[in-house]
PDB file of all heavy atoms in Angstrom:
ATOM      1  N   ARG A   1     -13.594  -6.210   0.068  1.00  0.00           N
ATOM      2  CA  ARG A   1     -13.989  -6.015  -1.383  1.00  0.00           C
ATOM      3  C   ARG A   1     -12.795  -5.737  -2.213  1.00  0.00           C
ATOM      4  O   ARG A   1     -11.902  -4.882  -1.905  1.00  0.00           O
ATOM      5  CB  ARG A   1     -15.041  -4.825  -1.474  1.00  0.00           C
ATOM      6  CG  ARG A   1     -15.701  -4.686  -2.766  1.00  0.00           C
ATOM      7  CD  ARG A   1     -16.642  -3.559  -2.832  1.00  0.00           C
ATOM      8  NE  ARG A   1     -17.548  -3.606  -1.687  1.00  0.00           N
ATOM      9  CZ  ARG A   1     -18.050  -2.539  -1.085  1.00  0.00           C
ATOM     10  NH1 ARG A   1     -17.796  -1.347  -1.477  1.00  0.00           N
ATOM     11  NH2 ARG A   1     -18.893  -2.708  -0.052  1.00  0.00           N
ATOM     12  N   LYS A   2     -12.748  -6.385  -3.360  1.00  0.00           N
ATOM     13  CA  LYS A   2     -11.568  -6.219  -4.285  1.00  0.00           C
ATOM     14  C   LYS A   2     -11.886  -4.921  -5.104  1.00  0.00           C
ATOM     15  O   LYS A   2     -12.946  -4.516  -5.185  1.00  0.00           O
ATOM     16  CB  LYS A   2     -11.455  -7.464  -5.149  1.00  0.00           C
ATOM     17  CG  LYS A   2     -11.176  -8.711  -4.437  1.00  0.00           C
ATOM     18  CD  LYS A   2      -9.919  -8.667  -3.582  1.00  0.00           C
ATOM     19  CE  LYS A   2      -9.740  -9.906  -2.805  1.00  0.00           C
ATOM     20  NZ  LYS A   2      -8.963  -9.793  -1.599  1.00  0.00           N
ATOM     21  N   ALA A   3     -10.771  -4.415  -5.715  1.00  0.00           N
ATOM     22  CA  ALA A   3     -10.866  -3.284  -6.541  1.00  0.00           C
ATOM     23  C   ALA A   3     -11.881  -3.510  -7.655  1.00  0.00           C
ATOM     24  O   ALA A   3     -11.835  -4.619  -8.239  1.00  0.00           O
ATOM     25  CB  ALA A   3      -9.438  -2.841  -7.067  1.00  0.00           C
ATOM     26  N   GLN A   4     -12.574  -2.565  -8.071  1.00  0.00           N
ATOM     27  CA  GLN A   4     -13.617  -2.667  -9.134  1.00  0.00           C
ATOM     28  C   GLN A   4     -12.865  -3.008 -10.465  1.00  0.00           C
ATOM     29  O   GLN A   4     -13.334  -3.896 -11.183  1.00  0.00           O
ATOM     30  CB  GLN A   4     -14.340  -1.386  -9.327  1.00  0.00           C
ATOM     31  CG  GLN A   4     -15.175  -1.029  -8.094  1.00  0.00           C
ATOM     32  CD  GLN A   4     -16.474  -1.782  -8.063  1.00  0.00           C
ATOM     33  OE1 GLN A   4     -17.098  -2.098  -8.988  1.00  0.00           O
ATOM     34  NE2 GLN A   4     -16.870  -2.074  -6.833  1.00  0.00           N
ATOM     35  N   ASP A   5     -11.729  -2.427 -10.728  1.00  0.00           N
ATOM     36  CA  ASP A   5     -11.029  -2.570 -11.936  1.00  0.00           C
ATOM     37  C   ASP A   5      -9.608  -2.859 -11.632  1.00  0.00           C
ATOM     38  O   ASP A   5      -8.787  -2.027 -11.642  1.00  0.00           O
ATOM     39  CB  ASP A   5     -11.201  -1.344 -12.874  1.00  0.00           C
ATOM     40  CG  ASP A   5     -10.572  -1.553 -14.243  1.00  0.00           C
ATOM     41  OD1 ASP A   5     -10.106  -2.669 -14.511  1.00  0.00           O
ATOM     42  OD2 ASP A   5     -10.605  -0.584 -15.009  1.00  0.00           O
ATOM     43  N   GLU A   6      -9.293  -4.124 -11.328  1.00  0.00           N
ATOM     44  CA  GLU A   6      -7.936  -4.429 -10.782  1.00  0.00           C
ATOM     45  C   GLU A   6      -6.894  -4.191 -11.855  1.00  0.00           C
ATOM     46  O   GLU A   6      -5.769  -3.902 -11.564  1.00  0.00           O
ATOM     47  CB  GLU A   6      -7.945  -5.865 -10.342  1.00  0.00           C
ATOM     48  CG  GLU A   6      -8.764  -6.083  -9.148  1.00  0.00           C
ATOM     49  CD  GLU A   6      -8.666  -7.532  -8.601  1.00  0.00           C
ATOM     50  OE1 GLU A   6      -7.760  -8.317  -9.000  1.00  0.00           O
ATOM     51  OE2 GLU A   6      -9.583  -7.950  -7.829  1.00  0.00           O
ATOM     52  N   GLU A   7      -7.205  -4.282 -13.149  1.00  0.00           N
ATOM     53  CA  GLU A   7      -6.196  -4.089 -14.194  1.00  0.00           C
ATOM     54  C   GLU A   7      -5.837  -2.609 -14.358  1.00  0.00           C
ATOM     55  O   GLU A   7      -4.715  -2.311 -14.667  1.00  0.00           O
ATOM     56  CB  GLU A   7      -6.726  -4.593 -15.561  1.00  0.00           C
ATOM     57  CG  GLU A   7      -6.920  -6.114 -15.580  1.00  0.00           C
ATOM     58  CD  GLU A   7      -7.448  -6.612 -16.887  1.00  0.00           C
ATOM     59  OE1 GLU A   7      -7.450  -5.851 -17.892  1.00  0.00           O
ATOM     60  OE2 GLU A   7      -7.912  -7.767 -16.924  1.00  0.00           O
ATOM     61  N   ALA A   8      -6.814  -1.679 -14.108  1.00  0.00           N
ATOM     62  CA  ALA A   8      -6.552  -0.293 -14.364  1.00  0.00           C
ATOM     63  C   ALA A   8      -5.813   0.337 -13.138  1.00  0.00           C
ATOM     64  O   ALA A   8      -5.269   1.413 -13.281  1.00  0.00           O
ATOM     65  CB  ALA A   8      -7.892   0.448 -14.565  1.00  0.00           C
ATOM     66  N   GLN A   9      -5.800  -0.283 -11.994  1.00  0.00           N
ATOM     67  CA  GLN A   9      -5.187   0.237 -10.817  1.00  0.00           C
ATOM     68  C   GLN A   9      -3.936  -0.475 -10.417  1.00  0.00           C
ATOM     69  O   GLN A   9      -3.801  -1.678 -10.630  1.00  0.00           O
ATOM     70  CB  GLN A   9      -6.107   0.187  -9.627  1.00  0.00           C
ATOM     71  CG  GLN A   9      -7.472   0.991  -9.931  1.00  0.00           C
ATOM     72  CD  GLN A   9      -8.348   0.985  -8.680  1.00  0.00           C
ATOM     73  OE1 GLN A   9      -7.944   0.562  -7.601  1.00  0.00           O
ATOM     74  NE2 GLN A   9      -9.497   1.663  -8.841  1.00  0.00           N
ATOM     75  N   PRO A  10      -2.975   0.253  -9.876  1.00  0.00           N
ATOM     76  CA  PRO A  10      -1.696  -0.380  -9.396  1.00  0.00           C
ATOM     77  C   PRO A  10      -2.025  -1.283  -8.255  1.00  0.00           C
ATOM     78  O   PRO A  10      -3.049  -1.035  -7.518  1.00  0.00           O
ATOM     79  CB  PRO A  10      -0.794   0.727  -9.008  1.00  0.00           C
ATOM     80  CG  PRO A  10      -1.748   1.899  -8.757  1.00  0.00           C
ATOM     81  CD  PRO A  10      -2.894   1.679  -9.606  1.00  0.00           C
ATOM     82  N   PRO A  11      -1.224  -2.357  -8.054  1.00  0.00           N
ATOM     83  CA  PRO A  11      -1.554  -3.269  -6.876  1.00  0.00           C
ATOM     84  C   PRO A  11      -1.416  -2.380  -5.555  1.00  0.00           C
ATOM     85  O   PRO A  11      -0.585  -1.495  -5.397  1.00  0.00           O
ATOM     86  CB  PRO A  11      -0.368  -4.220  -6.934  1.00  0.00           C
ATOM     87  CG  PRO A  11       0.577  -3.723  -7.952  1.00  0.00           C
ATOM     88  CD  PRO A  11      -0.008  -2.676  -8.756  1.00  0.00           C
ATOM     89  N   VAL A  12      -2.293  -2.731  -4.688  1.00  0.00           N
ATOM     90  CA  VAL A  12      -2.340  -2.095  -3.312  1.00  0.00           C
ATOM     91  C   VAL A  12      -1.479  -2.875  -2.427  1.00  0.00           C
ATOM     92  O   VAL A  12      -1.584  -4.130  -2.321  1.00  0.00           O
ATOM     93  CB  VAL A  12      -3.782  -2.053  -2.858  1.00  0.00           C
ATOM     94  CG1 VAL A  12      -3.825  -1.543  -1.474  1.00  0.00           C
ATOM     95  CG2 VAL A  12      -4.668  -1.308  -3.807  1.00  0.00           C
ATOM     96  N   PRO A  13      -0.428  -2.213  -1.728  1.00  0.00           N
ATOM     97  CA  PRO A  13       0.502  -2.991  -0.891  1.00  0.00           C
ATOM     98  C   PRO A  13      -0.203  -3.723   0.246  1.00  0.00           C
ATOM     99  O   PRO A  13       0.138  -4.784   0.614  1.00  0.00           O
ATOM    100  CB  PRO A  13       1.455  -1.949  -0.338  1.00  0.00           C
ATOM    101  CG  PRO A  13       0.869  -0.624  -0.733  1.00  0.00           C
ATOM    102  CD  PRO A  13      -0.213  -0.847  -1.767  1.00  0.00           C
ATOM    103  N   SER A  14      -1.251  -3.156   0.813  1.00  0.00           N
ATOM    104  CA  SER A  14      -2.030  -3.760   1.861  1.00  0.00           C
ATOM    105  C   SER A  14      -3.465  -3.378   1.692  1.00  0.00           C
ATOM    106  O   SER A  14      -3.826  -2.290   1.540  1.00  0.00           O
ATOM    107  CB  SER A  14      -1.499  -3.332   3.244  1.00  0.00           C
ATOM    108  OG  SER A  14      -2.415  -3.774   4.258  1.00  0.00           O
ATOM    109  N   THR A  15      -4.294  -4.400   1.733  1.00  0.00           N
ATOM    110  CA  THR A  15      -5.745  -4.144   1.606  1.00  0.00           C
ATOM    111  C   THR A  15      -6.327  -3.788   2.926  1.00  0.00           C
ATOM    112  O   THR A  15      -7.428  -3.209   3.009  1.00  0.00           O
ATOM    113  CB  THR A  15      -6.496  -5.466   1.101  1.00  0.00           C
ATOM    114  OG1 THR A  15      -6.268  -6.471   2.061  1.00  0.00           O
ATOM    115  CG2 THR A  15      -5.997  -5.841  -0.235  1.00  0.00           C
ATOM    116  N   GLY A  16      -5.644  -4.001   4.047  1.00  0.00           N
ATOM    117  CA  GLY A  16      -6.141  -3.719   5.350  1.00  0.00           C
ATOM    118  C   GLY A  16      -6.744  -4.985   6.002  1.00  0.00           C
ATOM    119  O   GLY A  16      -7.135  -4.936   7.180  1.00  0.00           O
ATOM    120  N   GLU A  17      -6.857  -6.061   5.256  1.00  0.00           N
ATOM    121  CA  GLU A  17      -7.478  -7.276   5.838  1.00  0.00           C
ATOM    122  C   GLU A  17      -6.711  -7.838   7.027  1.00  0.00           C
ATOM    123  O   GLU A  17      -7.342  -8.156   8.063  1.00  0.00           O
ATOM    124  CB  GLU A  17      -7.589  -8.372   4.727  1.00  0.00           C
ATOM    125  CG  GLU A  17      -8.693  -8.100   3.697  1.00  0.00           C
ATOM    126  CD  GLU A  17      -8.925  -9.209   2.746  1.00  0.00           C
ATOM    127  OE1 GLU A  17      -9.461 -10.215   3.156  1.00  0.00           O
ATOM    128  OE2 GLU A  17      -8.467  -9.096   1.578  1.00  0.00           O
ATOM    129  N   LEU A  18      -5.440  -7.920   6.917  1.00  0.00           N
ATOM    130  CA  LEU A  18      -4.600  -8.424   8.055  1.00  0.00           C
ATOM    131  C   LEU A  18      -4.795  -7.546   9.258  1.00  0.00           C
ATOM    132  O   LEU A  18      -4.961  -8.028  10.360  1.00  0.00           O
ATOM    133  CB  LEU A  18      -3.173  -8.499   7.656  1.00  0.00           C
ATOM    134  CG  LEU A  18      -2.173  -9.003   8.788  1.00  0.00           C
ATOM    135  CD1 LEU A  18      -2.540 -10.358   9.249  1.00  0.00           C
ATOM    136  CD2 LEU A  18      -0.757  -8.897   8.288  1.00  0.00           C
ATOM    137  N   GLU A  19      -4.704  -6.271   9.089  1.00  0.00           N
ATOM    138  CA  GLU A  19      -4.825  -5.298  10.214  1.00  0.00           C
ATOM    139  C   GLU A  19      -6.257  -5.327  10.804  1.00  0.00           C
ATOM    140  O   GLU A  19      -6.416  -5.258  12.030  1.00  0.00           O
ATOM    141  CB  GLU A  19      -4.543  -3.826   9.699  1.00  0.00           C
ATOM    142  CG  GLU A  19      -3.076  -3.644   9.269  1.00  0.00           C
ATOM    143  CD  GLU A  19      -2.773  -4.093   7.877  1.00  0.00           C
ATOM    144  OE1 GLU A  19      -3.625  -4.654   7.181  1.00  0.00           O
ATOM    145  OE2 GLU A  19      -1.639  -3.861   7.419  1.00  0.00           O
ATOM    146  N   LEU A  20      -7.287  -5.470   9.910  1.00  0.00           N
ATOM    147  CA  LEU A  20      -8.674  -5.617  10.441  1.00  0.00           C
ATOM    148  C   LEU A  20      -8.768  -6.891  11.292  1.00  0.00           C
ATOM    149  O   LEU A  20      -9.365  -6.824  12.310  1.00  0.00           O
ATOM    150  CB  LEU A  20      -9.612  -5.646   9.288  1.00  0.00           C
ATOM    151  CG  LEU A  20     -11.091  -5.713   9.581  1.00  0.00           C
ATOM    152  CD1 LEU A  20     -11.599  -4.327   9.981  1.00  0.00           C
ATOM    153  CD2 LEU A  20     -11.897  -6.267   8.451  1.00  0.00           C
ATOM    154  N   ALA A  21      -8.230  -7.967  10.820  1.00  0.00           N
ATOM    155  CA  ALA A  21      -8.355  -9.281  11.530  1.00  0.00           C
ATOM    156  C   ALA A  21      -7.556  -9.157  12.863  1.00  0.00           C
ATOM    157  O   ALA A  21      -8.069  -9.675  13.909  1.00  0.00           O
ATOM    158  CB  ALA A  21      -7.755 -10.366  10.713  1.00  0.00           C
ATOM    159  N   ARG A  22      -6.434  -8.556  12.872  1.00  0.00           N
ATOM    160  CA  ARG A  22      -5.702  -8.434  14.091  1.00  0.00           C
ATOM    161  C   ARG A  22      -6.408  -7.561  15.194  1.00  0.00           C
ATOM    162  O   ARG A  22      -6.370  -7.869  16.354  1.00  0.00           O
ATOM    163  CB  ARG A  22      -4.264  -7.797  13.859  1.00  0.00           C
ATOM    164  CG  ARG A  22      -3.487  -8.817  13.034  1.00  0.00           C
ATOM    165  CD  ARG A  22      -1.990  -8.395  12.922  1.00  0.00           C
ATOM    166  NE  ARG A  22      -1.410  -8.595  14.274  1.00  0.00           N
ATOM    167  CZ  ARG A  22      -0.538  -7.738  14.873  1.00  0.00           C
ATOM    168  NH1 ARG A  22      -0.190  -6.617  14.189  1.00  0.00           N
ATOM    169  NH2 ARG A  22      -0.040  -7.937  16.025  1.00  0.00           N
ATOM    170  N   LEU A  23      -7.082  -6.448  14.667  1.00  0.00           N
ATOM    171  CA  LEU A  23      -7.823  -5.648  15.637  1.00  0.00           C
ATOM    172  C   LEU A  23      -9.059  -6.454  16.130  1.00  0.00           C
ATOM    173  O   LEU A  23      -9.367  -6.267  17.324  1.00  0.00           O
ATOM    174  CB  LEU A  23      -8.194  -4.329  14.990  1.00  0.00           C
ATOM    175  CG  LEU A  23      -9.039  -3.342  15.857  1.00  0.00           C
ATOM    176  CD1 LEU A  23      -8.247  -3.020  17.121  1.00  0.00           C
ATOM    177  CD2 LEU A  23      -9.388  -2.102  15.084  1.00  0.00           C
ATOM    178  N   ASP A  24      -9.672  -7.207  15.275  1.00  0.00           N
ATOM    179  CA  ASP A  24     -10.793  -8.017  15.649  1.00  0.00           C
ATOM    180  C   ASP A  24     -10.389  -9.036  16.753  1.00  0.00           C
ATOM    181  O   ASP A  24     -11.141  -9.295  17.623  1.00  0.00           O
ATOM    182  CB  ASP A  24     -11.402  -8.701  14.445  1.00  0.00           C
ATOM    183  CG  ASP A  24     -12.801  -9.190  14.672  1.00  0.00           C
ATOM    184  OD1 ASP A  24     -13.528  -8.538  15.493  1.00  0.00           O
ATOM    185  OD2 ASP A  24     -13.213 -10.187  14.065  1.00  0.00           O
ATOM    186  N   GLU A  25      -9.174  -9.540  16.661  1.00  0.00           N
ATOM    187  CA  GLU A  25      -8.641 -10.514  17.642  1.00  0.00           C
ATOM    188  C   GLU A  25      -8.491  -9.854  19.014  1.00  0.00           C
ATOM    189  O   GLU A  25      -8.744 -10.433  20.101  1.00  0.00           O
ATOM    190  CB  GLU A  25      -7.394 -11.119  17.190  1.00  0.00           C
ATOM    191  CG  GLU A  25      -7.503 -12.061  16.054  1.00  0.00           C
ATOM    192  CD  GLU A  25      -6.097 -12.423  15.488  1.00  0.00           C
ATOM    193  OE1 GLU A  25      -5.088 -12.016  16.032  1.00  0.00           O
ATOM    194  OE2 GLU A  25      -6.079 -13.205  14.522  1.00  0.00           O
ATOM    195  N   ASP A  26      -8.027  -8.608  19.011  1.00  0.00           N
ATOM    196  CA  ASP A  26      -7.706  -7.906  20.258  1.00  0.00           C
ATOM    197  C   ASP A  26      -8.140  -6.459  20.120  1.00  0.00           C
ATOM    198  O   ASP A  26      -7.295  -5.525  19.837  1.00  0.00           O
ATOM    199  CB  ASP A  26      -6.209  -7.981  20.541  1.00  0.00           C
ATOM    200  CG  ASP A  26      -5.887  -7.362  21.956  1.00  0.00           C
ATOM    201  OD1 ASP A  26      -6.846  -6.884  22.679  1.00  0.00           O
ATOM    202  OD2 ASP A  26      -4.680  -7.353  22.317  1.00  0.00           O
ATOM    203  N   PRO A  27      -9.425  -6.174  20.187  1.00  0.00           N
ATOM    204  CA  PRO A  27      -9.994  -4.759  19.983  1.00  0.00           C
ATOM    205  C   PRO A  27      -9.476  -3.773  21.003  1.00  0.00           C
ATOM    206  O   PRO A  27      -9.649  -2.568  20.758  1.00  0.00           O
ATOM    207  CB  PRO A  27     -11.442  -4.987  20.006  1.00  0.00           C
ATOM    208  CG  PRO A  27     -11.720  -6.273  20.733  1.00  0.00           C
ATOM    209  CD  PRO A  27     -10.516  -7.068  20.544  1.00  0.00           C
ATOM    210  N   HIS A  28      -8.855  -4.179  22.093  1.00  0.00           N
ATOM    211  CA  HIS A  28      -8.441  -3.188  23.077  1.00  0.00           C
ATOM    212  C   HIS A  28      -6.954  -2.790  22.858  1.00  0.00           C
ATOM    213  O   HIS A  28      -6.425  -2.079  23.710  1.00  0.00           O
ATOM    214  CB  HIS A  28      -8.557  -3.820  24.521  1.00  0.00           C
ATOM    215  CG  HIS A  28     -10.050  -4.056  24.835  1.00  0.00           C
ATOM    216  ND1 HIS A  28     -10.848  -3.053  25.228  1.00  0.00           N
ATOM    217  CD2 HIS A  28     -10.812  -5.216  24.857  1.00  0.00           C
ATOM    218  CE1 HIS A  28     -12.086  -3.545  25.421  1.00  0.00           C
ATOM    219  NE2 HIS A  28     -12.020  -4.854  25.222  1.00  0.00           N
ATOM    220  N   ALA A  29      -6.321  -3.265  21.781  1.00  0.00           N
ATOM    221  CA  ALA A  29      -4.969  -2.953  21.492  1.00  0.00           C
ATOM    222  C   ALA A  29      -4.862  -1.709  20.606  1.00  0.00           C
ATOM    223  O   ALA A  29      -5.112  -1.772  19.430  1.00  0.00           O
ATOM    224  CB  ALA A  29      -4.231  -4.149  20.822  1.00  0.00           C
ATOM    225  N   PRO A  30      -4.445  -0.585  21.197  1.00  0.00           N
ATOM    226  CA  PRO A  30      -4.434   0.654  20.418  1.00  0.00           C
ATOM    227  C   PRO A  30      -3.402   0.604  19.263  1.00  0.00           C
ATOM    228  O   PRO A  30      -3.705   1.289  18.272  1.00  0.00           O
ATOM    229  CB  PRO A  30      -3.980   1.711  21.490  1.00  0.00           C
ATOM    230  CG  PRO A  30      -3.489   1.044  22.610  1.00  0.00           C
ATOM    231  CD  PRO A  30      -4.054  -0.368  22.637  1.00  0.00           C
ATOM    232  N   GLU A  31      -2.378  -0.152  19.390  1.00  0.00           N
ATOM    233  CA  GLU A  31      -1.395  -0.223  18.306  1.00  0.00           C
ATOM    234  C   GLU A  31      -2.045  -0.949  17.128  1.00  0.00           C
ATOM    235  O   GLU A  31      -1.671  -0.713  15.926  1.00  0.00           O
ATOM    236  CB  GLU A  31      -0.091  -0.842  18.758  1.00  0.00           C
ATOM    237  CG  GLU A  31      -0.156  -2.391  19.044  1.00  0.00           C
ATOM    238  CD  GLU A  31      -0.673  -2.631  20.504  1.00  0.00           C
ATOM    239  OE1 GLU A  31      -0.985  -1.744  21.279  1.00  0.00           O
ATOM    240  OE2 GLU A  31      -0.855  -3.836  20.826  1.00  0.00           O
ATOM    241  N   ARG A  32      -2.924  -1.937  17.387  1.00  0.00           N
ATOM    242  CA  ARG A  32      -3.559  -2.577  16.239  1.00  0.00           C
ATOM    243  C   ARG A  32      -4.643  -1.667  15.576  1.00  0.00           C
ATOM    244  O   ARG A  32      -4.732  -1.704  14.349  1.00  0.00           O
ATOM    245  CB  ARG A  32      -4.307  -3.847  16.726  1.00  0.00           C
ATOM    246  CG  ARG A  32      -3.261  -4.939  17.142  1.00  0.00           C
ATOM    247  CD  ARG A  32      -3.877  -6.200  17.605  1.00  0.00           C
ATOM    248  NE  ARG A  32      -2.895  -7.175  17.927  1.00  0.00           N
ATOM    249  CZ  ARG A  32      -3.085  -8.462  18.033  1.00  0.00           C
ATOM    250  NH1 ARG A  32      -4.284  -8.990  17.760  1.00  0.00           N
ATOM    251  NH2 ARG A  32      -2.103  -9.296  18.425  1.00  0.00           N
TER     252      ARG A  32
END
């Protein structure tokens, strides 16, 4: 989900999407 008011908030460096996808690929990897 994107920020409700993207103009009012500073850009987020990471939304967590990449990290979520990587954990989904290998859910047994504690570092992910």
